[in-house]
Amino acid sequence: MVGIVGEGSAVMASVSTISGLSSGIDWQSTIDALMRLEQRRVTLIENRQSLEQKRLDAWRAINNRMLALNTSMGSLQEAAAFLSSRALSSQPNSVAVTATGSAAPGVYRVQVEQLAAAARLVHQGVASADDSSLNTSGADQVFAYTYGSGDEAVTVTLAIPDGATLRDLRDLINQDAANPGVRASLLNDGSGGANGWHLVLSGTATGLAAQLAVDEELTTLGGGSFGAAAFTVTQEARNALYRVDGYPPEGWLESSGNTLTDTIEGLSLTLAASTAGEELTITVERDDAAIKAKIQSFVSAYNDLVGLINSTTTYNSEESTMGVLLGDSGVNQLKRTISQLVTRPFAGLDADARYTLLGQVGIKSGAGGLLGMDETKLEAALAGHPEDLAALFTFNARSDSPVFRFFTRQADTPAGAVSLSAEYDAEGALVGATLNGQTARVDGRLISGPENGPWAGLRILFRDPGDGPGTRSGTITLIHGAAAALTRSLTALTDSERGLVSFQTSRLEKSISRLADSIEDMNARLEAKRAQLTREYLAMESAMSRLQSQSSALSSLTTSSS
């Protein structure tokens, strides 16, 4: 007998259903061997797909390292941020200080006469916060207060229901949607007497303008027991009073708050206590350690990127292994581009710049394109020529006309000279402008480059010359140091639509998708091939079975006739 399933039908037969009893042939092993030969082509494509996926993963990792490098240069972009300063207070408990990069080194003298304070009122008290009824009139009564001063003063009136307690009054004040910035709280003086619980009203803003008072005329709560006379002013709203470097010689500088951010450029002072008629000193000095740390962060991020590129493009002859991107023209182009950026002179710098190469300040390319940092050389540059060192790394802009001032730019804005022309009316308003001979965009007093052009992200501020209608021309020169130049290149390389990385990853994603389609198609054809072989060998086995049956029948007839 021939072991088959559905012989002659369209149902796919399993190889295992071919017994081979008639032919003595192991058809299953034969089909499996033939299919293994066919499967090799699929395996080759799967291996290629796996390699393409590894290449895609490598490009994505490279992109992440480039983004990290770009981030590391954020503090190297502008001179004010690059030349970090640190500030020390001789009395930090009285005046705390922090510095930004724009703080000029030096010693400043500060005297604090008084701190800014918020107004605070305390009620004379009731016996209980929860059991003493403030309103026993049987109808609503009014509690009113005024917050602020002059035209900015706001008067708030609250309807206090019959039976309301001190805690209810606190909650009505705090939960009032019209509350202009007054917080109510409860104070228990611990006496346990008839006036042991007090309502405390506090302004949330400091300064002389943040006055707080109970409105005597409008308040009817408690039959007058919650009028202005029932409250004690425990703290008056007042401004901070201080002097800087003895100025003003008579009187005081004033501030509504205790944090001073504009008094000394680049410094933030936090007033915490009076100096009792004495002066304290604020010492500002350049923070060389912080500057070095920023540069070291850049060097480390750059080496992380180059190290990854090296690991994906190397060949190990001893182990006969190679990086997944070995021979990839895109990654080779990328390595050349970033290598040139850190080894060649920066053309965007001034012609008379002291430093035009990173190597001049101790940052040199070594084995494998990795950067090394000569700290002695860097420290010498930092100590002797800090502004020149900053110019090597940072962005700068220079204008030859007082009416044109650099305002802002985007990371992809190129270096170079930009010629400007502006037409303005009698009021000094811009009528039109050109940038490098092309019609520029005008938005108020801002001039921008034409859309989709290299200067689209540039913004120039126009200052009214005050001479009536006319036209002014000038030039602004944009100067790119190392960080600005690198940022511009990295921004272009990692651009999600037009960058090199986007091109490479898109190419690999398409290749992986095509290979997946090929694998799916070939597997379908292999299944069809297996089914075809199964049908053919089933037919052969069936034919041989029939022949054997016929032979046995003839043999039986011959034996019977004899």
Protein backbone atom coordinates (compact mmCIF):
# COMPACT_ATOMS: atom_id res chain seq x y z
CA MET A 1 0.00 0.00 0.00
CA VAL A 2 1.06 3.57 -0.61
CA GLY A 3 0.69 5.90 2.41
CA ILE A 4 -0.76 9.16 1.00
CA VAL A 5 -3.22 11.91 1.98
CA GLY A 6 -5.71 13.22 -0.57
CA GLU A 7 -4.05 11.67 -3.65
CA GLY A 8 -5.18 13.51 -6.81
CA SER A 9 -6.66 16.44 -4.85
CA ALA A 10 -5.50 20.06 -4.58
CA VAL A 11 -4.70 19.59 -0.91
CA MET A 12 -0.94 19.93 -0.28
CA ALA A 13 0.41 16.56 0.85
CA SER A 14 2.99 16.30 3.56
CA VAL A 15 6.25 14.63 2.65
CA SER A 16 5.92 12.47 5.71
CA THR A 17 2.81 10.84 4.16
CA ILE A 18 4.92 9.23 1.43
CA SER A 19 5.82 5.83 2.88
CA GLY A 20 8.11 4.60 0.10
CA LEU A 21 6.95 1.05 0.75
CA SER A 22 6.57 0.28 -2.93
CA SER A 23 9.76 1.90 -4.23
CA GLY A 24 11.94 1.41 -1.22
CA ILE A 25 13.05 5.06 -1.59
CA ASP A 26 13.09 7.54 1.35
CA TRP A 27 11.27 10.31 -0.49
CA GLN A 28 11.18 12.61 2.54
CA SER A 29 14.96 12.63 2.86
CA THR A 30 15.25 13.21 -0.86
CA ILE A 31 12.90 16.21 -0.81
CA ASP A 32 14.55 17.63 2.34
CA ALA A 33 17.97 17.39 0.70
CA LEU A 34 16.73 19.14 -2.45
CA MET A 35 15.05 21.87 -0.39
CA ARG A 36 18.21 22.46 1.68
CA LEU A 37 20.01 23.28 -1.57
CA GLU A 38 17.22 25.70 -2.50
CA GLN A 39 17.21 27.21 1.02
CA ARG A 40 20.84 28.33 0.67
CA ARG A 41 19.76 31.21 -1.52
CA VAL A 42 17.33 32.40 1.16
CA THR A 43 20.02 32.07 3.83
CA LEU A 44 22.38 34.21 1.77
CA ILE A 45 19.75 36.96 1.53
CA GLU A 46 18.96 36.66 5.26
CA ASN A 47 22.66 37.06 6.05
CA ARG A 48 22.80 40.11 3.82
CA GLN A 49 19.72 41.54 5.52
CA SER A 50 21.28 40.97 8.95
CA LEU A 51 24.43 42.78 7.80
CA GLU A 52 22.39 45.69 6.46
CA GLN A 53 20.59 45.91 9.81
CA LYS A 54 23.93 46.04 11.63
CA ARG A 55 25.04 48.81 9.28
CA LEU A 56 21.82 50.71 9.95
CA ASP A 57 22.31 50.34 13.72
CA ALA A 58 25.89 51.60 13.34
CA TRP A 59 24.76 54.69 11.43
CA ARG A 60 22.12 55.43 14.05
CA ALA A 61 24.73 55.11 16.80
CA ILE A 62 27.03 57.48 14.87
CA ASN A 63 24.18 59.95 14.55
CA ASN A 64 23.62 59.85 18.32
CA ARG A 65 27.33 60.50 18.92
CA MET A 66 27.23 63.47 16.54
CA LEU A 67 24.22 64.90 18.37
CA ALA A 68 26.09 64.46 21.67
CA LEU A 69 29.10 66.27 20.20
CA ASN A 70 26.86 69.10 19.06
CA THR A 71 25.38 69.36 22.55
CA SER A 72 28.83 69.44 24.15
CA MET A 73 29.63 72.59 22.19
CA GLY A 74 26.62 74.52 23.44
CA SER A 75 28.69 76.31 26.10
CA LEU A 76 31.47 77.02 23.58
CA GLN A 77 29.30 78.95 21.14
CA GLU A 78 29.23 82.40 22.74
CA ALA A 79 32.12 84.27 24.34
CA ALA A 80 30.03 85.22 27.40
CA ALA A 81 29.27 81.56 28.10
CA PHE A 82 32.76 80.35 27.16
CA LEU A 83 34.68 82.64 29.52
CA SER A 84 33.05 81.34 32.68
CA SER A 85 33.43 83.39 35.81
CA ARG A 86 33.01 82.54 39.45
CA ALA A 87 31.99 84.95 42.16
CA LEU A 88 32.65 84.77 45.88
CA SER A 89 30.93 86.72 48.64
CA SER A 90 32.83 87.68 51.80
CA GLN A 91 29.53 87.28 53.70
CA PRO A 92 27.49 84.61 51.87
CA ASN A 93 24.97 84.51 54.72
CA SER A 94 24.15 88.15 54.03
CA VAL A 95 24.54 88.26 50.24
CA ALA A 96 24.85 85.12 48.10
CA VAL A 97 26.18 85.52 44.57
CA THR A 98 26.35 83.57 41.32
CA ALA A 99 28.11 84.63 38.15
CA THR A 100 27.48 84.20 34.44
CA GLY A 101 30.11 84.33 31.71
CA SER A 102 29.52 88.05 31.14
CA ALA A 103 30.59 89.09 34.64
CA ALA A 104 33.71 91.26 34.48
CA PRO A 105 36.52 90.19 36.82
CA GLY A 106 36.97 92.55 39.75
CA VAL A 107 35.98 93.34 43.33
CA TYR A 108 32.66 94.99 44.16
CA ARG A 109 31.56 96.46 47.51
CA VAL A 110 27.95 95.90 48.63
CA GLN A 111 26.11 97.28 51.66
CA VAL A 112 22.58 96.12 52.59
CA GLU A 113 20.48 98.44 54.73
CA GLN A 114 17.26 96.37 54.73
CA LEU A 115 15.65 93.45 52.94
CA ALA A 116 12.52 93.62 50.84
CA ALA A 117 9.56 92.25 52.75
CA ALA A 118 5.93 91.31 52.25
CA ALA A 119 3.12 92.82 54.31
CA ARG A 120 1.73 90.75 57.17
CA LEU A 121 -1.26 91.39 59.44
CA VAL A 122 -2.26 89.39 62.53
CA HIS A 123 -5.81 89.49 63.99
CA GLN A 124 -6.29 90.05 67.72
CA GLY A 125 -7.68 86.53 68.06
CA VAL A 126 -10.67 84.38 68.97
CA ALA A 127 -11.10 81.44 71.36
CA SER A 128 -11.26 78.63 68.76
CA ALA A 129 -10.54 78.11 65.10
CA ASP A 130 -13.51 75.76 64.72
CA ASP A 131 -16.00 76.43 67.49
CA SER A 132 -16.12 80.22 67.68
CA SER A 133 -18.70 81.70 65.30
CA LEU A 134 -17.51 84.97 63.77
CA ASN A 135 -20.93 85.84 62.34
CA THR A 136 -24.01 85.46 64.53
CA SER A 137 -26.18 87.98 62.66
CA GLY A 138 -28.29 85.42 60.82
CA ALA A 139 -27.20 86.85 57.44
CA ASP A 140 -24.05 87.29 55.38
CA GLN A 141 -21.51 89.81 56.60
CA VAL A 142 -18.60 91.36 54.68
CA PHE A 143 -14.88 90.99 55.12
CA ALA A 144 -12.90 93.28 52.81
CA TYR A 145 -9.21 94.01 52.25
CA THR A 146 -7.06 95.99 49.80
CA TYR A 147 -3.85 94.67 48.24
CA GLY A 148 -1.40 96.80 46.27
CA SER A 149 -0.92 100.55 46.05
CA GLY A 150 -1.95 103.46 43.87
CA ASP A 151 -3.74 102.64 40.63
CA GLU A 152 -2.70 98.99 40.99
CA ALA A 153 -4.49 98.50 44.31
CA VAL A 154 -7.26 95.86 44.33
CA THR A 155 -10.07 95.74 46.88
CA VAL A 156 -11.66 92.35 47.56
CA THR A 157 -14.96 91.85 49.36
CA LEU A 158 -16.04 88.46 50.67
CA ALA A 159 -19.51 87.39 51.85
CA ILE A 160 -19.05 85.53 55.13
CA PRO A 161 -22.10 83.34 55.95
CA ASP A 162 -23.81 83.12 59.31
CA GLY A 163 -22.05 80.71 61.66
CA ALA A 164 -18.70 80.88 59.84
CA THR A 165 -15.61 80.03 61.93
CA LEU A 166 -12.07 81.36 61.75
CA ARG A 167 -11.04 78.33 59.69
CA ASP A 168 -13.96 79.00 57.31
CA LEU A 169 -12.77 82.60 56.89
CA ARG A 170 -9.26 81.40 56.10
CA ASP A 171 -10.57 79.01 53.46
CA LEU A 172 -12.86 81.61 51.89
CA ILE A 173 -9.91 83.99 51.48
CA ASN A 174 -7.56 81.38 50.02
CA GLN A 175 -10.11 79.80 47.69
CA ASP A 176 -11.45 83.09 46.35
CA ALA A 177 -11.01 83.22 42.56
CA ALA A 178 -10.56 86.99 42.78
CA ASN A 179 -7.74 86.76 45.34
CA PRO A 180 -4.96 89.09 44.05
CA GLY A 181 -2.13 87.41 45.96
CA VAL A 182 -2.97 87.28 49.66
CA ARG A 183 -2.56 84.10 51.69
CA ALA A 184 -4.44 83.48 54.91
CA SER A 185 -3.22 81.17 57.67
CA LEU A 186 -4.00 80.35 61.31
CA LEU A 187 -1.75 80.99 64.29
CA ASN A 188 -2.27 79.32 67.70
CA ASP A 189 -0.39 81.28 70.36
CA GLY A 190 -0.67 78.41 72.84
CA SER A 191 -2.38 80.47 75.53
CA GLY A 192 -5.64 78.57 75.37
CA GLY A 193 -7.42 81.80 76.20
CA ALA A 194 -10.24 83.76 74.64
CA ASN A 195 -7.87 85.16 72.00
CA GLY A 196 -5.65 82.14 71.42
CA TRP A 197 -6.36 81.66 67.68
CA HIS A 198 -5.36 84.34 65.19
CA LEU A 199 -5.96 84.93 61.47
CA VAL A 200 -2.72 85.88 59.65
CA LEU A 201 -2.88 87.71 56.31
CA SER A 202 0.32 87.75 54.23
CA GLY A 203 1.09 89.27 50.87
CA THR A 204 2.80 86.90 48.43
CA ALA A 205 4.83 89.71 46.84
CA THR A 206 7.58 91.74 48.48
CA GLY A 207 8.14 95.44 47.95
CA LEU A 208 6.71 98.77 48.90
CA ALA A 209 3.99 98.51 46.25
CA ALA A 210 2.55 95.32 47.79
CA GLN A 211 0.64 97.08 50.59
CA LEU A 212 -2.01 95.10 52.50
CA ALA A 213 -4.79 96.55 54.66
CA VAL A 214 -8.22 95.51 55.96
CA ASP A 215 -10.90 97.83 54.58
CA GLU A 216 -12.46 99.43 57.66
CA GLU A 217 -15.44 100.97 55.85
CA LEU A 218 -16.55 97.87 53.95
CA THR A 219 -15.91 95.23 56.62
CA THR A 220 -18.95 94.33 58.76
CA LEU A 221 -17.85 90.88 59.94
CA GLY A 222 -18.20 90.34 63.68
CA GLY A 223 -19.80 93.70 64.24
CA GLY A 224 -16.46 95.46 63.82
CA SER A 225 -14.31 92.85 65.57
CA PHE A 226 -12.61 92.13 62.21
CA GLY A 227 -12.08 95.74 61.15
CA ALA A 228 -8.67 97.32 60.55
CA ALA A 229 -8.22 98.17 64.24
CA ALA A 230 -8.44 94.48 65.13
CA PHE A 231 -5.29 93.69 63.12
CA THR A 232 -1.67 94.37 64.05
CA VAL A 233 0.88 95.06 61.31
CA THR A 234 3.67 92.66 62.22
CA GLN A 235 5.61 93.29 59.01
CA GLU A 236 5.36 96.20 56.65
CA ALA A 237 5.69 95.89 52.89
CA ARG A 238 9.03 97.43 51.99
CA ASN A 239 11.74 97.56 49.35
CA ALA A 240 15.29 96.32 49.74
CA LEU A 241 17.75 99.17 50.31
CA TYR A 242 21.40 98.74 49.31
CA ARG A 243 24.51 100.41 47.88
CA VAL A 244 27.07 99.14 45.37
CA ASP A 245 30.63 100.54 45.45
CA GLY A 246 29.42 103.38 47.65
CA TYR A 247 26.70 104.44 45.22
CA PRO A 248 24.59 106.37 45.82
CA PRO A 249 26.67 108.38 48.32
CA GLU A 250 23.44 109.53 49.96
CA GLY A 251 20.27 107.47 49.99
CA TRP A 252 19.91 103.92 48.69
CA LEU A 253 19.28 101.85 45.60
CA GLU A 254 15.91 100.13 45.91
CA SER A 255 14.44 96.84 44.77
CA SER A 256 11.02 95.31 45.35
CA GLY A 257 12.66 91.89 45.66
CA ASN A 258 15.73 90.42 47.30
CA THR A 259 17.19 88.87 44.13
CA LEU A 260 19.14 91.41 42.06
CA THR A 261 19.94 90.31 38.51
CA ASP A 262 20.62 93.62 36.78
CA THR A 263 22.51 95.65 39.37
CA ILE A 264 25.97 94.30 38.48
CA GLU A 265 26.16 92.92 34.95
CA GLY A 266 26.68 89.19 34.91
CA LEU A 267 25.98 88.70 38.60
CA SER A 268 22.90 87.54 40.47
CA LEU A 269 22.84 88.76 44.09
CA THR A 270 20.50 87.26 46.67
CA LEU A 271 20.07 89.50 49.68
CA ALA A 272 19.57 87.45 52.85
CA ALA A 273 20.38 89.79 55.74
CA SER A 274 21.35 93.35 56.55
CA THR A 275 25.10 94.02 56.71
CA ALA A 276 24.57 96.25 59.76
CA GLY A 277 26.17 99.30 58.23
CA GLU A 278 29.23 97.42 56.96
CA GLU A 279 30.28 96.65 53.39
CA LEU A 280 30.93 93.17 52.11
CA THR A 281 32.97 92.33 49.03
CA ILE A 282 32.02 90.38 45.94
CA THR A 283 35.07 89.02 44.12
CA VAL A 284 34.66 87.96 40.49
CA GLU A 285 37.39 85.97 38.74
CA ARG A 286 37.64 83.86 35.63
CA ASP A 287 36.86 80.20 36.30
CA ASP A 288 39.67 78.53 34.38
CA ALA A 289 38.75 75.06 35.67
CA ALA A 290 35.20 75.41 34.28
CA ILE A 291 36.54 76.61 30.91
CA LYS A 292 38.93 73.67 30.71
CA ALA A 293 36.10 71.30 31.63
CA LYS A 294 33.99 72.62 28.72
CA ILE A 295 36.86 72.07 26.28
CA GLN A 296 37.54 68.61 27.74
CA SER A 297 33.87 67.74 27.32
CA PHE A 298 34.11 68.72 23.65
CA VAL A 299 37.30 66.66 23.17
CA SER A 300 35.73 63.62 24.87
CA ALA A 301 32.54 63.85 22.79
CA TYR A 302 34.61 64.21 19.61
CA ASN A 303 36.73 61.18 20.51
CA ASP A 304 33.61 59.16 21.32
CA LEU A 305 32.38 59.84 17.80
CA VAL A 306 35.69 59.12 16.07
CA GLY A 307 36.23 56.03 18.23
CA LEU A 308 32.89 54.61 17.14
CA ILE A 309 33.63 55.38 13.49
CA ASN A 310 37.00 53.63 13.84
CA SER A 311 35.44 50.53 15.40
CA THR A 312 32.96 50.22 12.54
CA THR A 313 35.55 50.67 9.77
CA THR A 314 38.59 48.69 10.96
CA TYR A 315 39.92 45.29 9.83
CA ASN A 316 41.57 42.94 12.33
CA SER A 317 44.00 40.82 10.35
CA GLU A 318 44.81 38.56 13.31
CA GLU A 319 41.18 37.60 13.89
CA SER A 320 40.07 38.19 10.26
CA THR A 321 37.21 40.40 11.46
CA MET A 322 36.02 43.68 9.99
CA GLY A 323 33.82 46.55 11.04
CA VAL A 324 30.31 46.59 9.66
CA LEU A 325 30.94 49.88 7.80
CA LEU A 326 34.34 48.98 6.37
CA GLY A 327 34.39 50.28 2.79
CA ASP A 328 31.28 52.44 3.29
CA SER A 329 31.93 55.60 1.28
CA GLY A 330 29.50 57.61 3.38
CA VAL A 331 31.26 56.98 6.70
CA ASN A 332 34.63 57.64 5.08
CA GLN A 333 33.31 60.98 3.82
CA LEU A 334 32.00 61.76 7.30
CA LYS A 335 35.34 61.03 8.97
CA ARG A 336 37.21 63.20 6.46
CA THR A 337 34.77 66.06 7.00
CA ILE A 338 34.95 66.17 10.80
CA SER A 339 38.72 65.54 10.77
CA GLN A 340 39.29 68.53 8.50
CA LEU A 341 37.10 70.69 10.73
CA VAL A 342 39.39 70.21 13.75
CA THR A 343 42.77 70.22 11.97
CA ARG A 344 42.54 73.01 9.38
CA PRO A 345 42.62 76.76 10.09
CA PHE A 346 39.25 78.33 10.70
CA ALA A 347 38.81 80.61 7.73
CA GLY A 348 35.99 82.56 9.32
CA LEU A 349 38.25 84.10 11.97
CA ASP A 350 39.74 87.57 11.75
CA ALA A 351 42.84 87.83 9.59
CA ASP A 352 44.89 89.02 12.57
CA ALA A 353 43.53 86.40 14.98
CA ARG A 354 46.19 85.10 17.39
CA TYR A 355 44.86 81.53 17.16
CA THR A 356 43.43 79.97 14.01
CA LEU A 357 44.15 76.29 14.75
CA LEU A 358 43.13 74.12 17.67
CA GLY A 359 46.65 72.74 17.69
CA GLN A 360 47.95 76.17 18.67
CA VAL A 361 46.21 75.86 22.04
CA GLY A 362 47.15 72.22 22.64
CA ILE A 363 44.34 70.30 20.96
CA LYS A 364 45.84 68.07 18.29
CA SER A 365 44.74 65.06 16.24
CA GLY A 366 46.67 61.87 16.95
CA ALA A 367 46.45 58.15 16.19
CA GLY A 368 43.18 57.14 14.63
CA GLY A 369 42.11 60.78 14.34
CA LEU A 370 41.49 61.03 18.10
CA LEU A 371 42.12 64.39 19.74
CA GLY A 372 44.65 64.85 22.50
CA MET A 373 44.78 67.82 24.88
CA ASP A 374 48.04 69.37 26.03
CA GLU A 375 46.87 70.92 29.29
CA THR A 376 50.07 72.93 29.78
CA LYS A 377 49.66 74.60 26.40
CA LEU A 378 45.95 75.17 26.94
CA GLU A 379 46.52 76.68 30.37
CA ALA A 380 49.16 79.02 28.94
CA ALA A 381 46.71 80.27 26.30
CA LEU A 382 44.00 80.66 28.92
CA ALA A 383 46.26 82.58 31.27
CA GLY A 384 47.89 84.82 28.68
CA HIS A 385 45.27 85.38 26.01
CA PRO A 386 41.80 84.30 27.22
CA GLU A 387 39.89 86.53 24.77
CA ASP A 388 41.90 85.12 21.84
CA LEU A 389 41.21 81.59 23.07
CA ALA A 390 37.51 82.41 23.27
CA ALA A 391 37.60 83.84 19.72
CA LEU A 392 39.06 80.54 18.47
CA PHE A 393 36.00 78.65 19.70
CA THR A 394 33.08 81.05 19.73
CA PHE A 395 30.83 82.98 17.38
CA ASN A 396 31.18 86.71 16.96
CA ALA A 397 29.56 89.41 14.82
CA ARG A 398 30.95 92.80 13.84
CA SER A 399 29.07 95.70 12.24
CA ASP A 400 30.58 98.72 10.44
CA SER A 401 27.39 100.76 10.87
CA PRO A 402 25.62 101.89 14.07
CA VAL A 403 22.18 101.37 12.46
CA PHE A 404 22.72 97.63 11.90
CA ARG A 405 23.18 95.28 14.82
CA PHE A 406 23.38 91.50 14.87
CA PHE A 407 20.32 90.06 16.63
CA THR A 408 20.27 86.26 16.21
CA ARG A 409 21.06 83.40 13.83
CA GLN A 410 20.42 79.70 13.32
CA ALA A 411 23.03 76.96 13.57
CA ASP A 412 23.26 76.62 9.77
CA THR A 413 23.92 80.33 9.16
CA PRO A 414 27.29 80.58 7.34
CA ALA A 415 30.23 82.78 8.26
CA GLY A 416 31.21 85.78 6.16
CA ALA A 417 30.35 89.35 5.33
CA VAL A 418 26.71 90.31 4.79
CA SER A 419 25.97 93.58 2.96
CA LEU A 420 22.80 95.38 4.03
CA SER A 421 20.70 98.23 2.71
CA ALA A 422 17.64 99.59 4.51
CA GLU A 423 15.03 102.13 3.40
CA TYR A 424 13.10 103.89 6.19
CA ASP A 425 10.37 106.52 6.47
CA ALA A 426 10.16 109.79 8.42
CA GLU A 427 9.29 107.93 11.63
CA GLY A 428 12.27 105.61 11.23
CA ALA A 429 10.15 102.58 10.35
CA LEU A 430 11.59 100.12 7.83
CA VAL A 431 10.03 100.36 4.38
CA GLY A 432 12.20 97.72 2.73
CA ALA A 433 15.67 96.15 2.86
CA THR A 434 18.12 94.06 0.89
CA LEU A 435 20.63 91.50 2.10
CA ASN A 436 23.57 90.71 -0.18
CA GLY A 437 21.68 92.42 -3.00
CA GLN A 438 18.53 90.28 -2.57
CA THR A 439 15.19 91.44 -1.25
CA ALA A 440 15.15 90.77 2.49
CA ARG A 441 12.22 90.05 4.76
CA VAL A 442 11.19 92.82 7.15
CA ASP A 443 9.38 92.27 10.45
CA GLY A 444 9.16 95.45 12.47
CA ARG A 445 12.78 96.47 12.99
CA LEU A 446 14.20 93.04 12.14
CA ILE A 447 15.76 92.27 8.76
CA SER A 448 15.99 88.61 7.70
CA GLY A 449 17.53 86.88 4.70
CA PRO A 450 15.37 85.54 1.86
CA GLU A 451 13.49 82.35 2.70
CA ASN A 452 15.17 79.04 1.80
CA GLY A 453 18.50 80.80 1.28
CA PRO A 454 21.68 80.40 3.36
CA TRP A 455 20.88 83.58 5.33
CA ALA A 456 17.25 82.70 6.11
CA GLY A 457 18.02 82.18 9.79
CA LEU A 458 19.89 85.47 10.21
CA ARG A 459 18.17 88.39 12.00
CA ILE A 460 19.58 91.92 11.92
CA LEU A 461 18.22 94.72 14.11
CA PHE A 462 17.76 98.10 12.41
CA ARG A 463 18.21 101.16 14.63
CA ASP A 464 16.48 104.37 13.65
CA PRO A 465 19.19 106.91 12.69
CA GLY A 466 16.75 109.71 13.48
CA ASP A 467 17.33 111.77 10.33
CA GLY A 468 13.97 111.39 8.60
CA PRO A 469 13.27 109.25 5.51
CA GLY A 470 16.29 107.82 3.74
CA THR A 471 18.48 104.80 3.00
CA ARG A 472 21.41 103.38 4.94
CA SER A 473 23.93 100.72 3.96
CA GLY A 474 26.39 98.70 5.96
CA THR A 475 28.10 95.35 6.46
CA ILE A 476 27.89 92.81 9.24
CA THR A 477 30.62 90.19 9.41
CA LEU A 478 29.79 86.84 11.00
CA ILE A 479 32.83 85.13 12.49
CA HIS A 480 32.79 81.38 13.19
CA GLY A 481 35.18 79.86 15.68
CA ALA A 482 35.67 76.12 16.10
CA ALA A 483 32.42 75.46 17.97
CA ALA A 484 30.31 77.55 15.59
CA ALA A 485 31.89 75.92 12.52
CA LEU A 486 31.54 72.41 13.91
CA THR A 487 27.96 73.03 14.99
CA ARG A 488 27.05 74.26 11.52
CA SER A 489 28.57 71.15 9.88
CA LEU A 490 27.09 68.71 12.38
CA THR A 491 23.67 70.32 12.06
CA ALA A 492 23.83 69.80 8.30
CA LEU A 493 25.13 66.23 8.61
CA THR A 494 22.38 65.22 11.06
CA ASP A 495 19.56 67.05 9.29
CA SER A 496 16.60 64.67 9.36
CA GLU A 497 15.66 65.39 5.74
CA ARG A 498 18.78 66.37 3.81
CA GLY A 499 21.71 65.26 5.97
CA LEU A 500 24.29 62.59 5.17
CA VAL A 501 23.09 60.39 8.02
CA SER A 502 19.50 60.64 6.82
CA PHE A 503 20.57 59.61 3.32
CA GLN A 504 22.55 56.64 4.58
CA THR A 505 19.90 55.38 7.00
CA SER A 506 17.14 55.83 4.42
CA ARG A 507 19.19 53.85 1.88
CA LEU A 508 19.74 51.02 4.33
CA GLU A 509 16.10 50.98 5.48
CA LYS A 510 14.99 50.62 1.86
CA SER A 511 17.53 47.88 1.26
CA ILE A 512 16.38 45.95 4.35
CA SER A 513 12.77 46.31 3.22
CA ARG A 514 13.57 45.04 -0.29
CA LEU A 515 15.50 42.07 1.13
CA ALA A 516 12.57 41.26 3.44
CA ASP A 517 10.27 41.23 0.42
CA SER A 518 12.72 38.98 -1.43
CA ILE A 519 12.90 36.56 1.50
CA GLU A 520 9.12 36.43 1.76
CA ASP A 521 8.82 35.84 -1.99
CA MET A 522 11.51 33.14 -2.06
CA ASN A 523 9.99 31.35 0.96
CA ALA A 524 6.63 31.29 -0.81
CA ARG A 525 8.31 29.84 -3.93
CA LEU A 526 10.16 27.26 -1.84
CA GLU A 527 6.90 26.13 -0.26
CA ALA A 528 5.44 25.82 -3.74
CA LYS A 529 8.53 23.88 -4.83
CA ARG A 530 8.19 21.52 -1.87
CA ALA A 531 4.52 20.98 -2.68
CA GLN A 532 5.38 20.31 -6.34
CA LEU A 533 8.09 17.75 -5.45
CA THR A 534 5.71 16.12 -3.00
CA ARG A 535 3.04 15.75 -5.69
CA GLU A 536 5.54 14.39 -8.23
CA TYR A 537 7.04 11.83 -5.86
CA LEU A 538 3.57 10.84 -4.68
CA ALA A 539 2.63 10.21 -8.27
CA MET A 540 5.78 8.11 -8.82
CA GLU A 541 5.17 6.09 -5.67
CA SER A 542 1.52 5.55 -6.64
CA ALA A 543 2.49 4.44 -10.14
CA MET A 544 5.04 1.97 -8.83
CA SER A 545 2.47 0.67 -6.33
CA ARG A 546 -0.01 0.08 -9.17
CA LEU A 547 2.61 -1.67 -11.30
CA GLN A 548 3.55 -3.90 -8.39
CA SER A 549 -0.12 -4.73 -7.83
CA GLN A 550 -0.57 -5.55 -11.54
CA SER A 551 2.57 -7.68 -11.51
CA SER A 552 1.35 -9.58 -8.48
CA ALA A 553 -2.03 -10.17 -10.18
CA LEU A 554 -0.45 -11.49 -13.38
CA SER A 555 1.83 -13.72 -11.35
CA SER A 556 -1.16 -15.13 -9.53
CA LEU A 557 -3.03 -15.85 -12.83
CA THR A 558 0.02 -17.59 -14.29
CA THR A 559 0.39 -19.76 -11.21
CA SER A 560 -3.31 -20.69 -11.27
CA SER A 561 -3.32 -21.70 -14.96
CA SER A 562 -0.34 -23.94 -14.56
